[in-house]
PDB file of N, CA and C in Angstrom:
ATOM      1  N   MET A   1      36.580  40.909   7.309  1.00  0.00           N
ATOM      2  CA  MET A   1      35.680  41.801   6.589  1.00  0.00           C
ATOM      3  C   MET A   1      34.292  41.708   7.226  1.00  0.00           C
ATOM      4  N   ASN A   2      33.668  42.840   7.475  1.00  0.00           N
ATOM      5  CA  ASN A   2      32.328  42.825   8.054  1.00  0.00           C
ATOM      6  C   ASN A   2      31.269  42.769   6.949  1.00  0.00           C
ATOM      7  N   VAL A   3      30.024  42.588   7.337  1.00  0.00           N
ATOM      8  CA  VAL A   3      28.945  42.403   6.367  1.00  0.00           C
ATOM      9  C   VAL A   3      28.705  43.670   5.531  1.00  0.00           C
ATOM     10  N   PHE A   4      28.966  44.837   6.076  1.00  0.00           N
ATOM     11  CA  PHE A   4      28.769  46.071   5.320  1.00  0.00           C
ATOM     12  C   PHE A   4      29.774  46.169   4.172  1.00  0.00           C
ATOM     13  N   LYS A   5      31.036  45.876   4.487  1.00  0.00           N
ATOM     14  CA  LYS A   5      32.068  45.907   3.452  1.00  0.00           C
ATOM     15  C   LYS A   5      31.827  44.798   2.429  1.00  0.00           C
ATOM     16  N   ALA A   6      31.461  43.607   2.894  1.00  0.00           N
ATOM     17  CA  ALA A   6      31.188  42.483   1.984  1.00  0.00           C
ATOM     18  C   ALA A   6      30.030  42.815   1.049  1.00  0.00           C
ATOM     19  N   THR A   7      28.999  43.463   1.573  1.00  0.00           N
ATOM     20  CA  THR A   7      27.845  43.841   0.756  1.00  0.00           C
ATOM     21  C   THR A   7      28.242  44.881  -0.288  1.00  0.00           C
ATOM     22  N   ALA A   8      29.011  45.868   0.113  1.00  0.00           N
ATOM     23  CA  ALA A   8      29.465  46.891  -0.837  1.00  0.00           C
ATOM     24  C   ALA A   8      30.308  46.264  -1.945  1.00  0.00           C
ATOM     25  N   GLU A   9      31.198  45.337  -1.581  1.00  0.00           N
ATOM     26  CA  GLU A   9      32.025  44.670  -2.587  1.00  0.00           C
ATOM     27  C   GLU A   9      31.180  43.819  -3.523  1.00  0.00           C
ATOM     28  N   PHE A  10      30.202  43.107  -2.969  1.00  0.00           N
ATOM     29  CA  PHE A  10      29.325  42.288  -3.807  1.00  0.00           C
ATOM     30  C   PHE A  10      28.539  43.173  -4.778  1.00  0.00           C
ATOM     31  N   GLU A  11      28.019  44.280  -4.294  1.00  0.00           N
ATOM     32  CA  GLU A  11      27.232  45.167  -5.153  1.00  0.00           C
ATOM     33  C   GLU A  11      28.092  45.829  -6.225  1.00  0.00           C
ATOM     34  N   ARG A  12      29.346  46.110  -5.907  1.00  0.00           N
ATOM     35  CA  ARG A  12      30.283  46.625  -6.924  1.00  0.00           C
ATOM     36  C   ARG A  12      30.534  45.558  -7.987  1.00  0.00           C
ATOM     37  N   TRP A  13      30.774  44.332  -7.533  1.00  0.00           N
ATOM     38  CA  TRP A  13      30.987  43.204  -8.452  1.00  0.00           C
ATOM     39  C   TRP A  13      29.775  43.040  -9.367  1.00  0.00           C
ATOM     40  N   LEU A  14      28.576  43.080  -8.781  1.00  0.00           N
ATOM     41  CA  LEU A  14      27.343  42.924  -9.542  1.00  0.00           C
ATOM     42  C   LEU A  14      27.180  44.037 -10.575  1.00  0.00           C
ATOM     43  N   ALA A  15      27.455  45.273 -10.172  1.00  0.00           N
ATOM     44  CA  ALA A  15      27.305  46.427 -11.072  1.00  0.00           C
ATOM     45  C   ALA A  15      28.272  46.369 -12.251  1.00  0.00           C
ATOM     46  N   ASN A  16      29.370  45.667 -12.091  1.00  0.00           N
ATOM     47  CA  ASN A  16      30.313  45.499 -13.203  1.00  0.00           C
ATOM     48  C   ASN A  16      29.838  44.447 -14.205  1.00  0.00           C
ATOM     49  N   ARG A  17      28.795  43.712 -13.859  1.00  0.00           N
ATOM     50  CA  ARG A  17      28.318  42.630 -14.724  1.00  0.00           C
ATOM     51  C   ARG A  17      26.944  42.871 -15.335  1.00  0.00           C
ATOM     52  N   LEU A  18      26.154  43.736 -14.700  1.00  0.00           N
ATOM     53  CA  LEU A  18      24.824  44.028 -15.230  1.00  0.00           C
ATOM     54  C   LEU A  18      24.350  45.376 -14.733  1.00  0.00           C
ATOM     55  N   PRO A  19      23.368  45.959 -15.434  1.00  0.00           N
ATOM     56  CA  PRO A  19      22.851  47.264 -14.986  1.00  0.00           C
ATOM     57  C   PRO A  19      22.180  47.140 -13.610  1.00  0.00           C
ATOM     58  N   VAL A  20      22.541  48.022 -12.718  1.00  0.00           N
ATOM     59  CA  VAL A  20      21.979  48.015 -11.364  1.00  0.00           C
ATOM     60  C   VAL A  20      21.185  49.298 -11.166  1.00  0.00           C
ATOM     61  N   ILE A  21      19.991  49.167 -10.639  1.00  0.00           N
ATOM     62  CA  ILE A  21      19.139  50.330 -10.349  1.00  0.00           C
ATOM     63  C   ILE A  21      19.330  50.669  -8.872  1.00  0.00           C
ATOM     64  N   ARG A  22      19.936  51.809  -8.617  1.00  0.00           N
ATOM     65  CA  ARG A  22      20.292  52.199  -7.243  1.00  0.00           C
ATOM     66  C   ARG A  22      19.089  52.202  -6.303  1.00  0.00           C
ATOM     67  N   GLN A  23      17.909  52.621  -6.789  1.00  0.00           N
ATOM     68  CA  GLN A  23      16.716  52.626  -5.933  1.00  0.00           C
ATOM     69  C   GLN A  23      16.352  51.200  -5.512  1.00  0.00           C
ATOM     70  N   ASP A  24      16.568  50.224  -6.389  1.00  0.00           N
ATOM     71  CA  ASP A  24      16.282  48.831  -6.035  1.00  0.00           C
ATOM     72  C   ASP A  24      17.262  48.320  -4.983  1.00  0.00           C
ATOM     73  N   ILE A  25      18.514  48.745  -5.091  1.00  0.00           N
ATOM     74  CA  ILE A  25      19.514  48.354  -4.084  1.00  0.00           C
ATOM     75  C   ILE A  25      19.137  48.954  -2.728  1.00  0.00           C
ATOM     76  N   ALA A  26      18.708  50.207  -2.729  1.00  0.00           N
ATOM     77  CA  ALA A  26      18.287  50.848  -1.475  1.00  0.00           C
ATOM     78  C   ALA A  26      17.081  50.124  -0.875  1.00  0.00           C
ATOM     79  N   LEU A  27      16.139  49.713  -1.722  1.00  0.00           N
ATOM     80  CA  LEU A  27      14.975  48.967  -1.236  1.00  0.00           C
ATOM     81  C   LEU A  27      15.408  47.615  -0.675  1.00  0.00           C
ATOM     82  N   LYS A  28      16.349  46.959  -1.348  1.00  0.00           N
ATOM     83  CA  LYS A  28      16.872  45.687  -0.846  1.00  0.00           C
ATOM     84  C   LYS A  28      17.479  45.885   0.541  1.00  0.00           C
ATOM     85  N   HIS A  29      18.259  46.943   0.721  1.00  0.00           N
ATOM     86  CA  HIS A  29      18.863  47.217   2.033  1.00  0.00           C
ATOM     87  C   HIS A  29      17.793  47.453   3.091  1.00  0.00           C
ATOM     88  N   GLN A  30      16.725  48.142   2.712  1.00  0.00           N
ATOM     89  CA  GLN A  30      15.627  48.383   3.647  1.00  0.00           C
ATOM     90  C   GLN A  30      15.011  47.052   4.086  1.00  0.00           C
ATOM     91  N   HIS A  31      14.754  46.162   3.127  1.00  0.00           N
ATOM     92  CA  HIS A  31      14.181  44.848   3.456  1.00  0.00           C
ATOM     93  C   HIS A  31      15.147  44.033   4.318  1.00  0.00           C
ATOM     94  N   MET A  32      16.429  44.116   4.025  1.00  0.00           N
ATOM     95  CA  MET A  32      17.428  43.388   4.805  1.00  0.00           C
ATOM     96  C   MET A  32      17.409  43.832   6.267  1.00  0.00           C
ATOM     97  N   ALA A  33      17.160  45.114   6.494  1.00  0.00           N
ATOM     98  CA  ALA A  33      17.168  45.652   7.854  1.00  0.00           C
ATOM     99  C   ALA A  33      15.888  45.345   8.630  1.00  0.00           C
ATOM    100  N   GLU A  34      14.834  44.950   7.933  1.00  0.00           N
ATOM    101  CA  GLU A  34      13.529  44.756   8.580  1.00  0.00           C
ATOM    102  C   GLU A  34      13.414  43.449   9.355  1.00  0.00           C
ATOM    103  N   ALA A  35      14.072  42.391   8.892  1.00  0.00           N
ATOM    104  CA  ALA A  35      13.891  41.095   9.548  1.00  0.00           C
ATOM    105  C   ALA A  35      15.031  40.147   9.181  1.00  0.00           C
ATOM    106  N   ALA A  36      15.185  39.104   9.968  1.00  0.00           N
ATOM    107  CA  ALA A  36      16.277  38.156   9.771  1.00  0.00           C
ATOM    108  C   ALA A  36      16.160  37.390   8.447  1.00  0.00           C
ATOM    109  N   PHE A  37      14.954  36.948   8.081  1.00  0.00           N
ATOM    110  CA  PHE A  37      14.822  36.126   6.878  1.00  0.00           C
ATOM    111  C   PHE A  37      15.221  36.891   5.612  1.00  0.00           C
ATOM    112  N   PRO A  38      14.724  38.113   5.393  1.00  0.00           N
ATOM    113  CA  PRO A  38      15.187  38.851   4.209  1.00  0.00           C
ATOM    114  C   PRO A  38      16.702  39.112   4.239  1.00  0.00           C
ATOM    115  N   PHE A  39      17.238  39.358   5.426  1.00  0.00           N
ATOM    116  CA  PHE A  39      18.679  39.553   5.549  1.00  0.00           C
ATOM    117  C   PHE A  39      19.414  38.279   5.147  1.00  0.00           C
ATOM    118  N   PHE A  40      18.954  37.158   5.645  1.00  0.00           N
ATOM    119  CA  PHE A  40      19.572  35.865   5.347  1.00  0.00           C
ATOM    120  C   PHE A  40      19.521  35.579   3.852  1.00  0.00           C
ATOM    121  N   ARG A  41      18.367  35.815   3.238  1.00  0.00           N
ATOM    122  CA  ARG A  41      18.215  35.583   1.795  1.00  0.00           C
ATOM    123  C   ARG A  41      19.124  36.492   0.985  1.00  0.00           C
ATOM    124  N   ALA A  42      19.276  37.722   1.410  1.00  0.00           N
ATOM    125  CA  ALA A  42      20.009  38.715   0.620  1.00  0.00           C
ATOM    126  C   ALA A  42      21.524  38.636   0.781  1.00  0.00           C
ATOM    127  N   THR A  43      22.006  37.778   1.669  1.00  0.00           N
ATOM    128  CA  THR A  43      23.447  37.737   1.930  1.00  0.00           C
ATOM    129  C   THR A  43      24.060  36.369   1.662  1.00  0.00           C
ATOM    130  N   PHE A  44      23.573  35.673   0.657  1.00  0.00           N
ATOM    131  CA  PHE A  44      24.142  34.365   0.327  1.00  0.00           C
ATOM    132  C   PHE A  44      25.629  34.488  -0.007  1.00  0.00           C
ATOM    133  N   TYR A  45      26.024  35.568  -0.654  1.00  0.00           N
ATOM    134  CA  TYR A  45      27.431  35.791  -0.972  1.00  0.00           C
ATOM    135  C   TYR A  45      28.283  35.774   0.285  1.00  0.00           C
ATOM    136  N   ARG A  46      27.715  36.233   1.390  1.00  0.00           N
ATOM    137  CA  ARG A  46      28.452  36.265   2.664  1.00  0.00           C
ATOM    138  C   ARG A  46      28.718  34.850   3.154  1.00  0.00           C
ATOM    139  N   TRP A  47      27.730  33.979   2.995  1.00  0.00           N
ATOM    140  CA  TRP A  47      27.905  32.575   3.381  1.00  0.00           C
ATOM    141  C   TRP A  47      29.025  31.949   2.544  1.00  0.00           C
ATOM    142  N   LEU A  48      29.071  32.254   1.258  1.00  0.00           N
ATOM    143  CA  LEU A  48      30.126  31.700   0.410  1.00  0.00           C
ATOM    144  C   LEU A  48      31.504  32.156   0.874  1.00  0.00           C
ATOM    145  N   GLN A  49      31.584  33.351   1.430  1.00  0.00           N
ATOM    146  CA  GLN A  49      32.866  33.831   1.957  1.00  0.00           C
ATOM    147  C   GLN A  49      33.283  33.054   3.201  1.00  0.00           C
ATOM    148  N   HIS A  50      32.325  32.704   4.048  1.00  0.00           N
ATOM    149  CA  HIS A  50      32.616  32.029   5.319  1.00  0.00           C
ATOM    150  C   HIS A  50      32.670  30.509   5.216  1.00  0.00           C
ATOM    151  N   TRP A  51      32.071  29.958   4.181  1.00  0.00           N
ATOM    152  CA  TRP A  51      31.926  28.512   4.033  1.00  0.00           C
ATOM    153  C   TRP A  51      33.219  27.738   4.294  1.00  0.00           C
ATOM    154  N   PRO A  52      34.341  28.041   3.655  1.00  0.00           N
ATOM    155  CA  PRO A  52      35.545  27.225   3.855  1.00  0.00           C
ATOM    156  C   PRO A  52      36.054  27.212   5.296  1.00  0.00           C
ATOM    157  N   GLU A  53      35.955  28.339   5.989  1.00  0.00           N
ATOM    158  CA  GLU A  53      36.460  28.369   7.364  1.00  0.00           C
ATOM    159  C   GLU A  53      35.471  27.778   8.363  1.00  0.00           C
ATOM    160  N   VAL A  54      34.174  27.918   8.123  1.00  0.00           N
ATOM    161  CA  VAL A  54      33.156  27.421   9.044  1.00  0.00           C
ATOM    162  C   VAL A  54      32.981  25.907   8.926  1.00  0.00           C
ATOM    163  N   CYS A  55      33.099  25.396   7.722  1.00  0.00           N
ATOM    164  CA  CYS A  55      32.769  23.985   7.492  1.00  0.00           C
ATOM    165  C   CYS A  55      33.953  23.111   7.096  1.00  0.00           C
ATOM    166  N   GLY A  56      35.141  23.607   7.190  1.00  0.00           N
ATOM    167  CA  GLY A  56      36.369  22.857   6.976  1.00  0.00           C
ATOM    168  C   GLY A  56      36.285  21.636   6.072  1.00  0.00           C
ATOM    169  N   ASP A  57      36.067  20.454   6.668  1.00  0.00           N
ATOM    170  CA  ASP A  57      36.054  19.198   5.909  1.00  0.00           C
ATOM    171  C   ASP A  57      34.952  19.170   4.865  1.00  0.00           C
ATOM    172  N   LEU A  58      33.781  19.703   5.180  1.00  0.00           N
ATOM    173  CA  LEU A  58      32.684  19.700   4.211  1.00  0.00           C
ATOM    174  C   LEU A  58      33.030  20.540   2.980  1.00  0.00           C
ATOM    175  N   ALA A  59      33.880  21.536   3.160  1.00  0.00           N
ATOM    176  CA  ALA A  59      34.271  22.391   2.038  1.00  0.00           C
ATOM    177  C   ALA A  59      35.102  21.630   1.008  1.00  0.00           C
ATOM    178  N   LYS A  60      35.555  20.425   1.380  1.00  0.00           N
ATOM    179  CA  LYS A  60      36.342  19.599   0.456  1.00  0.00           C
ATOM    180  C   LYS A  60      35.484  18.579  -0.275  1.00  0.00           C
ATOM    181  N   ALA A  61      34.183  18.580  -0.028  1.00  0.00           N
ATOM    182  CA  ALA A  61      33.270  17.628  -0.687  1.00  0.00           C
ATOM    183  C   ALA A  61      33.224  17.909  -2.185  1.00  0.00           C
ATOM    184  N   PRO A  62      32.734  16.945  -2.982  1.00  0.00           N
ATOM    185  CA  PRO A  62      32.649  17.179  -4.434  1.00  0.00           C
ATOM    186  C   PRO A  62      31.769  18.384  -4.754  1.00  0.00           C
ATOM    187  N   ALA A  63      32.141  19.115  -5.808  1.00  0.00           N
ATOM    188  CA  ALA A  63      31.359  20.267  -6.259  1.00  0.00           C
ATOM    189  C   ALA A  63      30.249  19.784  -7.186  1.00  0.00           C
ATOM    190  N   VAL A  64      29.077  20.375  -7.047  1.00  0.00           N
ATOM    191  CA  VAL A  64      27.931  20.074  -7.906  1.00  0.00           C
ATOM    192  C   VAL A  64      27.320  21.392  -8.362  1.00  0.00           C
ATOM    193  N   LEU A  65      26.557  21.366  -9.448  1.00  0.00           N
ATOM    194  CA  LEU A  65      25.838  22.559  -9.861  1.00  0.00           C
ATOM    195  C   LEU A  65      24.683  22.749  -8.885  1.00  0.00           C
ATOM    196  N   ALA A  66      24.621  23.882  -8.236  1.00  0.00           N
ATOM    197  CA  ALA A  66      23.650  24.110  -7.174  1.00  0.00           C
ATOM    198  C   ALA A  66      22.977  25.470  -7.353  1.00  0.00           C
ATOM    199  N   VAL A  67      21.854  25.627  -6.692  1.00  0.00           N
ATOM    200  CA  VAL A  67      21.142  26.900  -6.660  1.00  0.00           C
ATOM    201  C   VAL A  67      20.904  27.222  -5.195  1.00  0.00           C
ATOM    202  N   GLY A  68      21.446  28.345  -4.742  1.00  0.00           N
ATOM    203  CA  GLY A  68      21.209  28.764  -3.368  1.00  0.00           C
ATOM    204  C   GLY A  68      19.828  29.373  -3.230  1.00  0.00           C
ATOM    205  N   ASP A  69      19.395  29.572  -2.008  1.00  0.00           N
ATOM    206  CA  ASP A  69      18.142  30.279  -1.742  1.00  0.00           C
ATOM    207  C   ASP A  69      16.919  29.510  -2.233  1.00  0.00           C
ATOM    208  N   LEU A  70      16.903  28.200  -2.046  1.00  0.00           N
ATOM    209  CA  LEU A  70      15.738  27.414  -2.457  1.00  0.00           C
ATOM    210  C   LEU A  70      14.673  27.441  -1.364  1.00  0.00           C
ATOM    211  N   HIS A  71      13.524  27.949  -1.684  1.00  0.00           N
ATOM    212  CA  HIS A  71      12.359  27.887  -0.806  1.00  0.00           C
ATOM    213  C   HIS A  71      11.124  28.158  -1.650  1.00  0.00           C
ATOM    214  N   VAL A  72       9.984  27.953  -1.077  1.00  0.00           N
ATOM    215  CA  VAL A  72       8.725  27.956  -1.829  1.00  0.00           C
ATOM    216  C   VAL A  72       8.459  29.268  -2.569  1.00  0.00           C
ATOM    217  N   GLU A  73       8.910  30.396  -2.047  1.00  0.00           N
ATOM    218  CA  GLU A  73       8.670  31.677  -2.719  1.00  0.00           C
ATOM    219  C   GLU A  73       9.383  31.789  -4.056  1.00  0.00           C
ATOM    220  N   ASN A  74      10.352  30.931  -4.294  1.00  0.00           N
ATOM    221  CA  ASN A  74      11.120  31.004  -5.531  1.00  0.00           C
ATOM    222  C   ASN A  74      10.632  30.041  -6.606  1.00  0.00           C
ATOM    223  N   PHE A  75       9.443  29.493  -6.447  1.00  0.00           N
ATOM    224  CA  PHE A  75       8.872  28.594  -7.446  1.00  0.00           C
ATOM    225  C   PHE A  75       7.536  29.132  -7.908  1.00  0.00           C
ATOM    226  N   GLY A  76       7.199  28.853  -9.147  1.00  0.00           N
ATOM    227  CA  GLY A  76       5.909  29.277  -9.678  1.00  0.00           C
ATOM    228  C   GLY A  76       5.413  28.269 -10.698  1.00  0.00           C
ATOM    229  N   THR A  77       4.115  28.255 -10.925  1.00  0.00           N
ATOM    230  CA  THR A  77       3.524  27.368 -11.923  1.00  0.00           C
ATOM    231  C   THR A  77       2.608  28.165 -12.833  1.00  0.00           C
ATOM    232  N   TRP A  78       2.422  27.671 -14.026  1.00  0.00           N
ATOM    233  CA  TRP A  78       1.465  28.221 -14.972  1.00  0.00           C
ATOM    234  C   TRP A  78       1.167  27.158 -16.003  1.00  0.00           C
ATOM    235  N   ARG A  79       0.159  27.399 -16.823  1.00  0.00           N
ATOM    236  CA  ARG A  79      -0.188  26.489 -17.917  1.00  0.00           C
ATOM    237  C   ARG A  79       0.380  27.046 -19.218  1.00  0.00           C
ATOM    238  N   ASP A  80       1.020  26.175 -20.001  1.00  0.00           N
ATOM    239  CA  ASP A  80       1.511  26.628 -21.296  1.00  0.00           C
ATOM    240  C   ASP A  80       0.366  26.619 -22.304  1.00  0.00           C
ATOM    241  N   GLU A  81       0.649  26.970 -23.554  1.00  0.00           N
ATOM    242  CA  GLU A  81      -0.423  27.096 -24.555  1.00  0.00           C
ATOM    243  C   GLU A  81      -1.099  25.768 -24.875  1.00  0.00           C
ATOM    244  N   GLU A  82      -0.458  24.647 -24.498  1.00  0.00           N
ATOM    245  CA  GLU A  82      -1.079  23.334 -24.698  1.00  0.00           C
ATOM    246  C   GLU A  82      -1.751  22.820 -23.429  1.00  0.00           C
ATOM    247  N   GLY A  83      -1.778  23.645 -22.381  1.00  0.00           N
ATOM    248  CA  GLY A  83      -2.452  23.271 -21.145  1.00  0.00           C
ATOM    249  C   GLY A  83      -1.603  22.476 -20.163  1.00  0.00           C
ATOM    250  N   ARG A  84      -0.326  22.272 -20.478  1.00  0.00           N
ATOM    251  CA  ARG A  84       0.551  21.529 -19.563  1.00  0.00           C
ATOM    252  C   ARG A  84       0.930  22.412 -18.378  1.00  0.00           C
ATOM    253  N   LEU A  85       0.993  21.813 -17.204  1.00  0.00           N
ATOM    254  CA  LEU A  85       1.405  22.533 -16.006  1.00  0.00           C
ATOM    255  C   LEU A  85       2.932  22.645 -16.007  1.00  0.00           C
ATOM    256  N   ILE A  86       3.420  23.866 -15.891  1.00  0.00           N
ATOM    257  CA  ILE A  86       4.858  24.137 -15.920  1.00  0.00           C
ATOM    258  C   ILE A  86       5.294  24.611 -14.540  1.00  0.00           C
ATOM    259  N   LEU A  87       6.399  24.085 -14.054  1.00  0.00           N
ATOM    260  CA  LEU A  87       6.990  24.508 -12.786  1.00  0.00           C
ATOM    261  C   LEU A  87       8.316  25.176 -13.105  1.00  0.00           C
ATOM    262  N   LEU A  88       8.542  26.342 -12.541  1.00  0.00           N
ATOM    263  CA  LEU A  88       9.784  27.067 -12.783  1.00  0.00           C
ATOM    264  C   LEU A  88      10.374  27.503 -11.462  1.00  0.00           C
ATOM    265  N   ARG A  89      11.665  27.392 -11.367  1.00  0.00           N
ATOM    266  CA  ARG A  89      12.395  27.927 -10.221  1.00  0.00           C
ATOM    267  C   ARG A  89      12.863  29.307 -10.646  1.00  0.00           C
ATOM    268  N   PHE A  90      12.320  30.363 -10.043  1.00  0.00           N
ATOM    269  CA  PHE A  90      12.727  31.725 -10.368  1.00  0.00           C
ATOM    270  C   PHE A  90      14.156  31.949  -9.898  1.00  0.00           C
ATOM    271  N   GLY A  91      14.872  32.766 -10.617  1.00  0.00           N
ATOM    272  CA  GLY A  91      16.243  33.080 -10.209  1.00  0.00           C
ATOM    273  C   GLY A  91      17.231  31.976 -10.530  1.00  0.00           C
ATOM    274  N   SER A  92      16.947  31.150 -11.522  1.00  0.00           N
ATOM    275  CA  SER A  92      17.872  30.068 -11.861  1.00  0.00           C
ATOM    276  C   SER A  92      19.221  30.598 -12.323  1.00  0.00           C
ATOM    277  N   ARG A  93      19.278  31.877 -12.644  1.00  0.00           N
ATOM    278  CA  ARG A  93      20.553  32.476 -13.031  1.00  0.00           C
ATOM    279  C   ARG A  93      21.547  32.440 -11.879  1.00  0.00           C
ATOM    280  N   SER A  94      21.069  32.136 -10.665  1.00  0.00           N
ATOM    281  CA  SER A  94      21.962  32.090  -9.518  1.00  0.00           C
ATOM    282  C   SER A  94      22.610  30.725  -9.348  1.00  0.00           C
ATOM    283  N   ALA A  95      22.458  29.849 -10.336  1.00  0.00           N
ATOM    284  CA  ALA A  95      23.114  28.542 -10.262  1.00  0.00           C
ATOM    285  C   ALA A  95      24.626  28.732 -10.296  1.00  0.00           C
ATOM    286  N   HIS A  96      25.315  27.947  -9.530  1.00  0.00           N
ATOM    287  CA  HIS A  96      26.772  28.018  -9.473  1.00  0.00           C
ATOM    288  C   HIS A  96      27.304  26.687  -8.962  1.00  0.00           C
ATOM    289  N   HIS A  97      28.591  26.477  -9.078  1.00  0.00           N
ATOM    290  CA  HIS A  97      29.186  25.265  -8.528  1.00  0.00           C
ATOM    291  C   HIS A  97      29.441  25.484  -7.042  1.00  0.00           C
ATOM    292  N   GLN A  98      28.987  24.523  -6.261  1.00  0.00           N
ATOM    293  CA  GLN A  98      29.069  24.624  -4.809  1.00  0.00           C
ATOM    294  C   GLN A  98      29.364  23.232  -4.272  1.00  0.00           C
ATOM    295  N   ARG A  99      29.973  23.170  -3.130  1.00  0.00           N
ATOM    296  CA  ARG A  99      30.240  21.875  -2.504  1.00  0.00           C
ATOM    297  C   ARG A  99      28.918  21.221  -2.126  1.00  0.00           C
ATOM    298  N   LEU A 100      28.840  19.932  -2.301  1.00  0.00           N
ATOM    299  CA  LEU A 100      27.595  19.181  -2.168  1.00  0.00           C
ATOM    300  C   LEU A 100      26.765  19.530  -0.934  1.00  0.00           C
ATOM    301  N   PRO A 101      27.298  19.540   0.272  1.00  0.00           N
ATOM    302  CA  PRO A 101      26.445  19.823   1.443  1.00  0.00           C
ATOM    303  C   PRO A 101      26.287  21.306   1.764  1.00  0.00           C
ATOM    304  N   GLY A 102      26.673  22.197   0.870  1.00  0.00           N
ATOM    305  CA  GLY A 102      26.731  23.626   1.151  1.00  0.00           C
ATOM    306  C   GLY A 102      25.489  24.253   1.719  1.00  0.00           C
ATOM    307  N   ASP A 103      24.366  24.209   1.009  1.00  0.00           N
ATOM    308  CA  ASP A 103      23.167  24.885   1.488  1.00  0.00           C
ATOM    309  C   ASP A 103      22.551  24.152   2.677  1.00  0.00           C
ATOM    310  N   LEU A 104      22.765  22.849   2.774  1.00  0.00           N
ATOM    311  CA  LEU A 104      22.240  22.099   3.918  1.00  0.00           C
ATOM    312  C   LEU A 104      22.920  22.551   5.206  1.00  0.00           C
ATOM    313  N   ARG A 105      24.178  22.850   5.128  1.00  0.00           N
ATOM    314  CA  ARG A 105      24.912  23.296   6.312  1.00  0.00           C
ATOM    315  C   ARG A 105      24.621  24.750   6.625  1.00  0.00           C
ATOM    316  N   ARG A 106      24.306  25.533   5.612  1.00  0.00           N
ATOM    317  CA  ARG A 106      24.049  26.960   5.806  1.00  0.00           C
ATOM    318  C   ARG A 106      22.811  27.204   6.654  1.00  0.00           C
ATOM    319  N   THR A 107      21.782  26.417   6.467  1.00  0.00           N
ATOM    320  CA  THR A 107      20.497  26.660   7.114  1.00  0.00           C
ATOM    321  C   THR A 107      20.596  26.731   8.642  1.00  0.00           C
ATOM    322  N   PRO A 108      21.223  25.759   9.314  1.00  0.00           N
ATOM    323  CA  PRO A 108      21.263  25.849  10.784  1.00  0.00           C
ATOM    324  C   PRO A 108      22.370  26.743  11.318  1.00  0.00           C
ATOM    325  N   GLN A 109      23.195  27.278  10.466  1.00  0.00           N
ATOM    326  CA  GLN A 109      24.342  28.077  10.891  1.00  0.00           C
ATOM    327  C   GLN A 109      23.889  29.429  11.441  1.00  0.00           C
ATOM    328  N   PRO A 110      24.384  29.836  12.614  1.00  0.00           N
ATOM    329  CA  PRO A 110      24.035  31.180  13.082  1.00  0.00           C
ATOM    330  C   PRO A 110      24.547  32.206  12.083  1.00  0.00           C
ATOM    331  N   HIS A 111      23.764  33.217  11.819  1.00  0.00           N
ATOM    332  CA  HIS A 111      24.132  34.205  10.803  1.00  0.00           C
ATOM    333  C   HIS A 111      24.279  35.556  11.456  1.00  0.00           C
ATOM    334  N   THR A 112      25.514  35.947  11.681  1.00  0.00           N
ATOM    335  CA  THR A 112      25.758  37.230  12.330  1.00  0.00           C
ATOM    336  C   THR A 112      26.512  38.151  11.379  1.00  0.00           C
ATOM    337  N   PRO A 113      26.266  39.430  11.450  1.00  0.00           N
ATOM    338  CA  PRO A 113      26.949  40.392  10.566  1.00  0.00           C
ATOM    339  C   PRO A 113      28.439  40.405  10.745  1.00  0.00           C
TER     340      PRO A 113
END
């Protein structure tokens, strides 16, 4: 399966679970086409498809609750009403069970469509 078909299938899967705004999907595709980093961020589902074949033995590691796409842009801070500093990881809804070394192995992996 190529990345275009995988993306279409992922977006169909997503649309069956929550309301999808087609203009936002088109904007996401535009950002994906502009540079490697947005493409890499937007195709985590593709890595999950390739993970077992690319990483063989590592794919048998214990599963842990994990969040893909961890980087500084996905964190924010603010003060609550009592003045405490709060740190939040945006997009925590993307937590899922993943093999322990999953995202560590993904980072250096060449990412081709």
